[in-house]
Amino acid sequence: MNSDYDRRDFLRLGATVGAGLALGGIGASGCAVRPRGIPPKISNVSIDSVRIGFVGVGGRGTHLCKLLLGIQEVQMVAVCDIVEEKVTRIQELAEADGRPRPTGYTRGEKDYERLCNEEDLDLVITATPWDLHTPICVSAMKAGKHAATEVPAAVTFDECWQLVETSEKMNRHCIMLENTCYSRWMMAVYKMIREGVFGEILHGECGYKHDLRGYKFANQRMHGPAYWRTVHTINRNGDIYPTHGIGPMSICMDINRGDQFDFLVSLSSNSRSLNLYAEKAFGPDHSFARQKYALGDVISTLIQTKSGKTILLQHDTHTPRPYSRGDVVQGTNAIFRGYPSTKIHIDGRTSAHEWESMDQYYEEYESDLWKSLGKKSEGSGHSGIDYMTVYRLIQVFRKGVAPEMNVYDAAAWSAISEATERSIAHRSSPVNLPDFTRGAWKTNPPIGAIQA
């Protein structure tokens, strides 16, 4: 299985390299091709007002648009959705804020291509269903625009490679908007790791444990089609939403910047809870109650990194439970336990066999971003992390700084989904994770302090 993938990947990469040589190092649009595995650099280029096209303005997209409209240095130039009323809503929000009315694109599922090609934009953002994330980002980059996407950035290995190769060819950013990377406690942990508080990082635990039973059946006609997210649940068995957990853990472990995912093994429990929920909610004869759901209720994945660190990643969106990401960061000198109860134990500083609240460490290890913008982020969604995510995205282009999350992160984190599906389908066999940096992770510098 893995050797087949590696051989196919080698042949495809060889063809790509040959095409690059034939073009003399210039992409089809005239953009210089950058070295493989090296993020695009737009330093010394600042944009006073970032011109944005937004694709997919349902609930999540509307929320992000509102945050963007709250930033004066943003121009909402164009909005695209298959539902005209949703586009109109954003247009009216912009006008109510005293801004020009964005151009609307509503001619079907692929009208984003017209937006990308016709509008003069710096950045295209997508908050559509998952299957459209890669096509929209690729379309934007091919049109010379930078791209940003809600999570996950891709569903398959092939889509991950499309993002990486298009970003490299066009020299354009492709940024995944993983908001959990900006939580107050995790950013304090990043700082503590940089300052040696944890010693050597050995192990991490993380995941997405969120009761979505009602959400997956919300607003459905009694015998209508399944919600798009539920379709993934019907057809796929693996960790289909890994980035909320693996994103912050990757920063803690310098993934793509000194270390790299090596391989994983994944297991699935039985699938029971959605059927039981649907039976109680709609009756035993309802199609949702009788539906076979491929996704196991609990997916558990073990990941080994190249340097020998280990990660336990879990996905559970079907069982009755309070929300948790189950974060644990274990070093040789300290251990952190994250949301919903953020606690820490530091050897020689904390009483033996006891936890301390993280609250008492913020004065010493609070990130500069939260020191400066913590108050401003209040009420923005998900304990302020949505504002931090949007703020940092715009700052990348306004200040010409490198993003914390580049296309290699988007690919590496998203690729876990297909890898877990492969492992589960083959009796939890080990599956190698692709190195989208092609070895550049060995010399890429770690993420430094994130400034406001």
Protein backbone atom coordinates (compact mmCIF):
# COMPACT_ATOMS: atom_id res chain seq x y z
CA MET A 1 0.00 0.00 0.00
CA ASN A 2 2.62 2.56 1.04
CA SER A 3 5.10 1.48 -1.64
CA ASP A 4 2.40 1.96 -4.30
CA TYR A 5 1.74 5.44 -3.03
CA ASP A 6 5.45 6.33 -2.89
CA ARG A 7 6.03 5.07 -6.44
CA ARG A 8 3.06 7.03 -7.80
CA ASP A 9 4.19 10.11 -5.93
CA PHE A 10 7.74 9.79 -7.27
CA LEU A 11 6.55 9.53 -10.87
CA ARG A 12 4.18 12.47 -10.49
CA LEU A 13 6.83 14.66 -8.88
CA GLY A 14 9.31 13.74 -11.60
CA ALA A 15 6.86 14.88 -14.24
CA THR A 16 6.28 18.13 -12.36
CA VAL A 17 10.00 18.84 -12.08
CA GLY A 18 10.41 18.20 -15.79
CA ALA A 19 7.61 20.60 -16.61
CA GLY A 20 9.20 23.24 -14.39
CA LEU A 21 12.53 22.88 -16.19
CA ALA A 22 10.84 23.16 -19.55
CA LEU A 23 9.27 26.43 -18.44
CA GLY A 24 12.62 27.80 -17.39
CA GLY A 25 11.48 28.17 -13.79
CA ILE A 26 8.50 30.37 -14.66
CA GLY A 27 4.90 29.39 -13.96
CA ALA A 28 2.19 29.71 -16.57
CA SER A 29 1.13 33.11 -15.26
CA GLY A 30 4.67 34.45 -15.17
CA CYS A 31 5.14 33.94 -11.41
CA ALA A 32 8.61 32.72 -10.44
CA VAL A 33 8.63 29.15 -9.14
CA ARG A 34 10.12 29.02 -5.65
CA PRO A 35 12.27 26.16 -4.31
CA ARG A 36 10.32 23.13 -3.17
CA GLY A 37 9.45 22.96 0.50
CA ILE A 38 10.14 26.68 1.03
CA PRO A 39 7.14 28.90 1.91
CA PRO A 40 6.50 31.94 -0.31
CA LYS A 41 8.10 35.16 0.83
CA ILE A 42 6.27 38.45 0.47
CA SER A 43 8.40 40.32 3.01
CA ASN A 44 8.97 44.02 2.39
CA VAL A 45 5.59 44.10 0.66
CA SER A 46 2.86 45.74 2.69
CA ILE A 47 -0.74 46.26 1.59
CA ASP A 48 -2.57 49.22 3.07
CA SER A 49 -5.97 47.72 2.35
CA VAL A 50 -6.38 43.98 1.71
CA ARG A 51 -8.84 43.28 -1.11
CA ILE A 52 -10.82 40.11 -0.38
CA GLY A 53 -13.13 37.81 -2.29
CA PHE A 54 -15.13 35.50 -0.03
CA VAL A 55 -16.60 32.17 -1.17
CA GLY A 56 -19.23 30.41 0.92
CA VAL A 57 -21.18 32.68 3.25
CA GLY A 58 -23.35 30.33 5.26
CA GLY A 59 -23.18 30.44 9.04
CA ARG A 60 -19.41 30.16 9.39
CA GLY A 61 -18.69 32.32 6.37
CA THR A 62 -21.02 35.07 7.55
CA HIS A 63 -19.35 35.07 10.95
CA LEU A 64 -15.91 35.48 9.39
CA CYS A 65 -17.16 38.21 7.05
CA LYS A 66 -18.46 40.15 10.04
CA LEU A 67 -15.04 39.90 11.71
CA LEU A 68 -13.31 41.03 8.52
CA LEU A 69 -15.67 43.98 8.12
CA GLY A 70 -14.64 45.01 11.61
CA ILE A 71 -11.08 45.57 10.36
CA GLN A 72 -10.71 48.94 8.64
CA GLU A 73 -7.82 47.76 6.48
CA VAL A 74 -10.03 45.21 4.69
CA GLN A 75 -11.98 45.73 1.47
CA MET A 76 -14.72 43.16 0.91
CA VAL A 77 -14.66 43.31 -2.88
CA ALA A 78 -16.67 40.24 -3.91
CA VAL A 79 -18.84 37.54 -2.34
CA CYS A 80 -19.83 34.17 -3.81
CA ASP A 81 -22.42 31.60 -2.75
CA ILE A 82 -24.91 29.32 -4.49
CA VAL A 83 -27.69 30.91 -2.39
CA GLU A 84 -28.34 34.46 -3.59
CA GLU A 85 -29.95 35.53 -0.31
CA LYS A 86 -26.75 34.77 1.57
CA VAL A 87 -24.71 36.95 -0.79
CA THR A 88 -27.26 39.74 -0.42
CA ARG A 89 -26.93 39.51 3.36
CA ILE A 90 -23.17 40.18 3.20
CA GLN A 91 -23.64 42.97 0.67
CA GLU A 92 -26.10 44.67 3.01
CA LEU A 93 -23.79 44.19 6.00
CA ALA A 94 -20.98 45.90 4.09
CA GLU A 95 -23.21 48.80 3.07
CA ALA A 96 -24.50 49.17 6.62
CA ASP A 97 -20.88 49.57 7.69
CA GLY A 98 -20.41 52.39 5.21
CA ARG A 99 -18.46 50.30 2.71
CA PRO A 100 -18.98 49.78 -1.03
CA ARG A 101 -21.38 46.98 -1.97
CA PRO A 102 -19.35 43.83 -2.83
CA THR A 103 -19.94 42.27 -6.22
CA GLY A 104 -22.12 39.17 -5.96
CA TYR A 105 -21.41 35.83 -7.64
CA THR A 106 -24.33 33.40 -7.53
CA ARG A 107 -24.32 31.49 -10.84
CA GLY A 108 -23.85 28.03 -9.38
CA GLU A 109 -21.26 25.95 -7.56
CA LYS A 110 -18.31 26.95 -9.78
CA ASP A 111 -18.97 30.67 -9.97
CA TYR A 112 -15.97 31.12 -7.70
CA GLU A 113 -13.87 30.61 -10.83
CA ARG A 114 -15.37 33.77 -12.33
CA LEU A 115 -14.70 35.65 -9.09
CA CYS A 116 -11.06 34.52 -9.05
CA ASN A 117 -10.47 35.42 -12.69
CA GLU A 118 -12.42 38.68 -12.98
CA GLU A 119 -11.84 40.49 -9.70
CA ASP A 120 -8.74 42.45 -8.68
CA LEU A 121 -8.03 40.76 -5.34
CA ASP A 122 -5.21 40.12 -2.93
CA LEU A 123 -6.85 37.19 -1.17
CA VAL A 124 -9.65 34.67 -1.70
CA ILE A 125 -11.12 33.06 1.44
CA THR A 126 -13.37 30.01 1.43
CA ALA A 127 -15.76 28.69 4.07
CA THR A 128 -17.65 26.22 1.88
CA PRO A 129 -18.24 22.50 2.44
CA TRP A 130 -14.94 20.60 2.64
CA ASP A 131 -14.96 19.12 -0.87
CA LEU A 132 -14.69 22.62 -2.38
CA HIS A 133 -11.81 23.91 -0.27
CA THR A 134 -9.04 22.64 -2.51
CA PRO A 135 -10.68 23.53 -5.86
CA ILE A 136 -11.35 27.10 -4.71
CA CYS A 137 -7.84 27.59 -3.29
CA VAL A 138 -6.26 26.18 -6.45
CA SER A 139 -8.43 28.39 -8.64
CA ALA A 140 -7.48 31.45 -6.60
CA MET A 141 -3.74 30.75 -6.73
CA LYS A 142 -3.81 30.00 -10.46
CA ALA A 143 -5.45 33.39 -10.92
CA GLY A 144 -2.59 35.05 -9.04
CA LYS A 145 -4.40 35.50 -5.73
CA HIS A 146 -3.39 34.26 -2.30
CA ALA A 147 -5.76 31.74 -0.72
CA ALA A 148 -7.08 31.03 2.76
CA THR A 149 -9.50 28.30 3.75
CA GLU A 150 -11.52 27.01 6.62
CA VAL A 151 -10.52 23.60 7.94
CA PRO A 152 -9.69 21.07 6.65
CA ALA A 153 -7.84 22.42 3.62
CA ALA A 154 -8.15 19.11 1.74
CA VAL A 155 -9.78 15.70 1.99
CA THR A 156 -7.27 13.48 0.14
CA PHE A 157 -3.52 13.12 -0.35
CA ASP A 158 -3.92 14.16 -3.97
CA GLU A 159 -5.71 17.36 -2.96
CA CYS A 160 -2.93 18.13 -0.47
CA TRP A 161 -0.35 17.79 -3.23
CA GLN A 162 -2.44 20.03 -5.49
CA LEU A 163 -2.34 22.78 -2.88
CA VAL A 164 1.40 22.45 -2.31
CA GLU A 165 2.37 22.27 -5.96
CA THR A 166 0.09 25.15 -7.00
CA SER A 167 1.37 27.32 -4.16
CA GLU A 168 4.96 26.59 -5.18
CA LYS A 169 4.35 27.14 -8.87
CA MET A 170 2.41 30.38 -8.42
CA ASN A 171 4.41 31.62 -5.40
CA ARG A 172 1.20 32.30 -3.51
CA HIS A 173 0.25 31.68 0.09
CA CYS A 174 -2.33 29.01 0.92
CA ILE A 175 -3.26 29.42 4.59
CA MET A 176 -5.57 27.18 6.58
CA LEU A 177 -7.53 29.11 9.20
CA GLU A 178 -7.04 26.79 12.17
CA ASN A 179 -8.34 28.94 15.00
CA THR A 180 -7.37 26.56 17.83
CA CYS A 181 -3.72 27.44 17.22
CA TYR A 182 -4.44 30.88 18.70
CA SER A 183 -6.07 29.88 21.98
CA ARG A 184 -4.74 31.83 24.94
CA TRP A 185 -3.50 28.81 26.85
CA MET A 186 -1.83 27.13 23.88
CA MET A 187 -0.01 30.33 22.95
CA ALA A 188 1.27 30.54 26.51
CA VAL A 189 2.41 26.90 26.21
CA TYR A 190 4.27 27.74 22.96
CA LYS A 191 6.16 30.44 24.83
CA MET A 192 6.93 28.13 27.75
CA ILE A 193 8.27 25.50 25.34
CA ARG A 194 10.50 28.08 23.61
CA GLU A 195 11.84 29.18 26.98
CA GLY A 196 12.68 25.62 28.07
CA VAL A 197 10.02 25.15 30.76
CA PHE A 198 8.94 21.77 29.35
CA GLY A 199 12.42 20.42 28.67
CA GLU A 200 12.35 18.02 25.72
CA ILE A 201 8.86 17.40 24.30
CA LEU A 202 8.09 13.69 24.31
CA HIS A 203 4.38 13.13 23.77
CA GLY A 204 1.13 14.90 23.01
CA GLU A 205 -2.58 14.14 23.10
CA CYS A 206 -5.26 16.05 21.26
CA GLY A 207 -8.44 15.70 19.27
CA TYR A 208 -11.92 16.88 18.45
CA LYS A 209 -14.50 15.59 20.89
CA HIS A 210 -17.73 17.41 20.20
CA ASP A 211 -21.29 16.07 20.34
CA LEU A 212 -22.55 16.90 16.83
CA ARG A 213 -25.50 14.52 16.74
CA GLY A 214 -28.09 17.29 16.65
CA TYR A 215 -25.98 19.36 14.26
CA LYS A 216 -25.63 16.53 11.75
CA PHE A 217 -29.41 16.18 11.59
CA ALA A 218 -30.35 19.85 12.04
CA ASN A 219 -32.81 21.51 9.67
CA GLN A 220 -33.40 18.34 7.69
CA ARG A 221 -36.70 17.53 6.05
CA MET A 222 -38.14 14.45 7.68
CA HIS A 223 -37.08 12.23 4.79
CA GLY A 224 -34.82 14.63 2.92
CA PRO A 225 -31.17 14.26 1.93
CA ALA A 226 -28.44 14.19 4.54
CA TYR A 227 -26.53 17.36 5.41
CA TRP A 228 -23.21 17.62 3.50
CA ARG A 229 -21.18 16.98 6.63
CA THR A 230 -23.27 13.93 7.40
CA VAL A 231 -22.50 12.55 3.93
CA HIS A 232 -18.84 12.30 4.99
CA THR A 233 -20.02 10.42 8.07
CA ILE A 234 -21.98 7.98 5.91
CA ASN A 235 -19.14 7.30 3.47
CA ARG A 236 -15.86 7.60 5.40
CA ASN A 237 -14.32 5.88 8.43
CA GLY A 238 -11.35 7.74 9.81
CA ASP A 239 -10.44 10.98 11.53
CA ILE A 240 -12.30 13.23 9.10
CA TYR A 241 -11.67 16.43 11.13
CA PRO A 242 -8.16 16.24 12.60
CA THR A 243 -6.86 19.80 12.42
CA HIS A 244 -8.43 21.29 15.56
CA GLY A 245 -6.31 18.93 17.61
CA ILE A 246 -3.24 18.35 15.48
CA GLY A 247 -2.70 22.03 14.61
CA PRO A 248 -1.65 23.31 18.05
CA MET A 249 0.20 20.06 18.76
CA SER A 250 2.20 20.47 15.55
CA ILE A 251 3.33 23.91 16.67
CA CYS A 252 4.36 22.50 20.05
CA MET A 253 6.40 19.80 18.28
CA ASP A 254 7.89 21.95 15.47
CA ILE A 255 6.29 19.83 12.76
CA ASN A 256 7.60 20.93 9.32
CA ARG A 257 10.20 23.00 11.20
CA GLY A 258 12.71 20.59 12.71
CA ASP A 259 10.50 17.52 12.96
CA GLN A 260 8.02 15.76 10.72
CA PHE A 261 5.19 13.23 10.90
CA ASP A 262 6.52 9.79 10.05
CA PHE A 263 3.67 7.26 10.20
CA LEU A 264 0.41 6.50 11.98
CA VAL A 265 -1.87 3.68 12.99
CA SER A 266 -5.58 4.22 13.51
CA LEU A 267 -8.45 2.28 15.08
CA SER A 268 -12.20 2.74 14.91
CA SER A 269 -14.84 1.79 17.43
CA ASN A 270 -18.25 0.54 16.34
CA SER A 271 -20.70 3.02 14.83
CA ARG A 272 -23.74 3.11 17.12
CA SER A 273 -24.64 6.54 18.47
CA LEU A 274 -26.03 8.28 15.35
CA ASN A 275 -28.51 5.46 14.75
CA LEU A 276 -29.65 5.54 18.37
CA TYR A 277 -30.01 9.33 18.29
CA ALA A 278 -31.95 9.31 15.01
CA GLU A 279 -34.22 6.54 16.27
CA LYS A 280 -35.14 8.60 19.34
CA ALA A 281 -35.45 11.86 17.39
CA PHE A 282 -37.28 10.68 14.25
CA GLY A 283 -38.58 7.18 15.00
CA PRO A 284 -37.21 3.70 14.25
CA ASP A 285 -38.50 3.68 10.65
CA HIS A 286 -36.92 6.96 9.62
CA SER A 287 -34.23 6.77 6.93
CA PHE A 288 -31.67 8.42 9.26
CA ALA A 289 -32.33 5.75 11.90
CA ARG A 290 -31.86 2.94 9.36
CA GLN A 291 -28.88 4.53 7.61
CA LYS A 292 -25.52 2.75 7.84
CA TYR A 293 -22.86 5.22 9.00
CA ALA A 294 -19.30 4.23 8.13
CA LEU A 295 -17.70 6.55 10.67
CA GLY A 296 -16.97 4.86 13.98
CA ASP A 297 -18.09 6.70 17.10
CA VAL A 298 -14.52 7.03 18.40
CA ILE A 299 -11.44 7.14 16.17
CA SER A 300 -8.08 6.78 17.94
CA THR A 301 -4.84 7.43 16.08
CA LEU A 302 -1.21 7.12 17.15
CA ILE A 303 1.34 9.20 15.23
CA GLN A 304 5.12 8.84 15.42
CA THR A 305 7.34 11.74 14.36
CA LYS A 306 10.74 11.44 12.69
CA SER A 307 12.49 12.39 15.93
CA GLY A 308 10.56 9.85 18.03
CA LYS A 309 7.79 11.97 19.57
CA THR A 310 4.36 10.38 19.84
CA ILE A 311 0.86 11.82 19.50
CA LEU A 312 -2.53 10.36 20.44
CA LEU A 313 -5.20 11.97 18.27
CA GLN A 314 -8.91 11.25 18.76
CA HIS A 315 -12.12 12.08 16.92
CA ASP A 316 -15.53 11.70 18.57
CA THR A 317 -18.55 13.63 17.29
CA HIS A 318 -21.32 11.08 17.91
CA THR A 319 -21.33 10.22 21.60
CA PRO A 320 -23.07 12.26 24.33
CA ARG A 321 -20.31 14.33 25.90
CA PRO A 322 -19.24 17.90 26.75
CA TYR A 323 -16.86 19.52 24.27
CA SER A 324 -13.17 18.81 24.71
CA ARG A 325 -9.99 18.78 22.66
CA GLY A 326 -8.17 16.60 25.19
CA ASP A 327 -4.92 18.54 24.87
CA VAL A 328 -1.89 17.13 26.69
CA VAL A 329 1.69 18.29 26.15
CA GLN A 330 4.25 16.10 27.95
CA GLY A 331 7.88 17.10 28.27
CA THR A 332 10.77 15.83 30.36
CA ASN A 333 10.19 18.67 32.86
CA ALA A 334 6.49 19.61 32.64
CA ILE A 335 3.04 18.48 31.55
CA PHE A 336 0.10 20.61 30.37
CA ARG A 337 -3.55 19.55 30.29
CA GLY A 338 -5.78 21.70 28.12
CA TYR A 339 -9.37 22.63 27.41
CA PRO A 340 -11.79 22.56 29.13
CA SER A 341 -9.68 22.62 32.31
CA THR A 342 -6.28 24.18 31.65
CA LYS A 343 -3.75 22.96 34.19
CA ILE A 344 0.00 22.43 34.38
CA HIS A 345 2.58 20.60 36.45
CA ILE A 346 6.21 21.75 36.41
CA ASP A 347 8.82 19.53 38.02
CA GLY A 348 10.46 21.30 40.95
CA ARG A 349 7.99 24.17 40.83
CA THR A 350 4.60 22.51 41.34
CA SER A 351 3.87 20.42 44.44
CA ALA A 352 4.52 16.75 43.75
CA HIS A 353 1.62 14.84 42.16
CA GLU A 354 -0.56 17.97 41.90
CA TRP A 355 -1.84 20.26 39.17
CA GLU A 356 -1.77 24.05 39.08
CA SER A 357 -4.11 26.31 37.16
CA MET A 358 -2.61 27.92 34.06
CA ASP A 359 -4.11 31.21 35.21
CA GLN A 360 -1.22 31.92 37.54
CA TYR A 361 1.29 31.60 34.69
CA TYR A 362 -0.23 34.10 32.28
CA GLU A 363 1.50 37.07 33.87
CA GLU A 364 4.86 35.47 33.11
CA TYR A 365 4.12 33.62 29.86
CA GLU A 366 1.21 35.45 28.23
CA SER A 367 1.79 35.78 24.49
CA ASP A 368 2.29 39.25 23.04
CA LEU A 369 -0.77 38.71 20.84
CA TRP A 370 -3.07 38.10 23.80
CA LYS A 371 -1.50 40.86 25.87
CA SER A 372 -2.27 43.35 23.14
CA LEU A 373 -5.56 42.09 21.74
CA GLY A 374 -7.18 39.96 24.42
CA LYS A 375 -9.77 42.61 25.33
CA LYS A 376 -10.51 43.42 21.70
CA SER A 377 -11.12 39.76 20.90
CA GLU A 378 -13.86 39.32 23.49
CA GLY A 379 -17.16 38.22 22.01
CA SER A 380 -15.67 37.39 18.61
CA GLY A 381 -16.38 33.67 18.87
CA HIS A 382 -14.71 30.59 20.39
CA SER A 383 -13.26 32.52 23.36
CA GLY A 384 -11.65 35.15 21.14
CA ILE A 385 -9.63 32.84 18.90
CA ASP A 386 -11.69 33.65 15.81
CA TYR A 387 -10.65 37.29 16.02
CA MET A 388 -7.02 36.33 16.55
CA THR A 389 -7.13 34.09 13.48
CA VAL A 390 -8.60 36.79 11.22
CA TYR A 391 -6.32 39.47 12.66
CA ARG A 392 -3.18 37.45 11.96
CA LEU A 393 -4.40 36.56 8.47
CA ILE A 394 -4.77 40.24 7.53
CA GLN A 395 -1.48 41.12 9.22
CA VAL A 396 0.35 38.68 6.93
CA PHE A 397 -0.55 40.86 3.97
CA ARG A 398 -0.56 44.27 5.63
CA LYS A 399 2.88 43.83 7.18
CA GLY A 400 4.45 41.37 4.75
CA VAL A 401 5.16 38.82 7.50
CA ALA A 402 5.23 35.04 7.28
CA PRO A 403 2.05 33.25 8.39
CA GLU A 404 2.22 30.81 11.28
CA MET A 405 0.41 28.26 9.13
CA ASN A 406 1.61 27.85 5.55
CA VAL A 407 0.60 25.48 2.76
CA TYR A 408 2.84 22.68 4.09
CA ASP A 409 1.00 22.78 7.40
CA ALA A 410 -2.37 22.83 5.63
CA ALA A 411 -1.32 19.73 3.69
CA ALA A 412 0.36 17.82 6.53
CA TRP A 413 -2.52 18.32 8.95
CA SER A 414 -5.26 17.62 6.41
CA ALA A 415 -3.54 14.49 5.03
CA ILE A 416 -4.09 12.74 8.34
CA SER A 417 -7.69 12.10 7.29
CA GLU A 418 -6.90 9.87 4.33
CA ALA A 419 -4.05 8.20 6.21
CA THR A 420 -6.41 7.18 9.04
CA GLU A 421 -8.96 5.89 6.56
CA ARG A 422 -6.27 3.77 4.90
CA SER A 423 -5.05 2.41 8.23
CA ILE A 424 -8.51 1.46 9.48
CA ALA A 425 -9.41 -0.14 6.15
CA HIS A 426 -6.32 -2.39 6.47
CA ARG A 427 -6.74 -3.64 10.04
CA SER A 428 -4.93 -0.66 11.58
CA SER A 429 -1.80 -1.14 9.50
CA PRO A 430 0.88 1.57 9.70
CA VAL A 431 0.54 4.24 7.00
CA ASN A 432 3.39 6.57 6.07
CA LEU A 433 2.52 10.25 6.07
CA PRO A 434 3.73 12.27 3.07
CA ASP A 435 6.53 14.79 3.52
CA PHE A 436 5.09 17.74 1.65
CA THR A 437 8.24 19.77 2.34
CA ARG A 438 10.42 17.17 0.53
CA GLY A 439 13.00 17.31 3.31
CA ALA A 440 12.96 21.07 3.91
CA TRP A 441 11.54 20.41 7.41
CA LYS A 442 15.09 19.53 8.49
CA THR A 443 16.27 23.14 8.05
CA ASN A 444 13.09 25.21 8.20
CA PRO A 445 13.29 27.47 11.30
CA PRO A 446 10.69 27.00 14.07
CA ILE A 447 7.84 29.43 14.55
CA GLY A 448 9.03 32.32 16.69
CA ALA A 449 7.06 34.57 18.97
CA ILE A 450 3.77 35.66 17.36
CA GLN A 451 3.63 39.44 17.56
CA ALA A 452 0.58 41.66 17.69
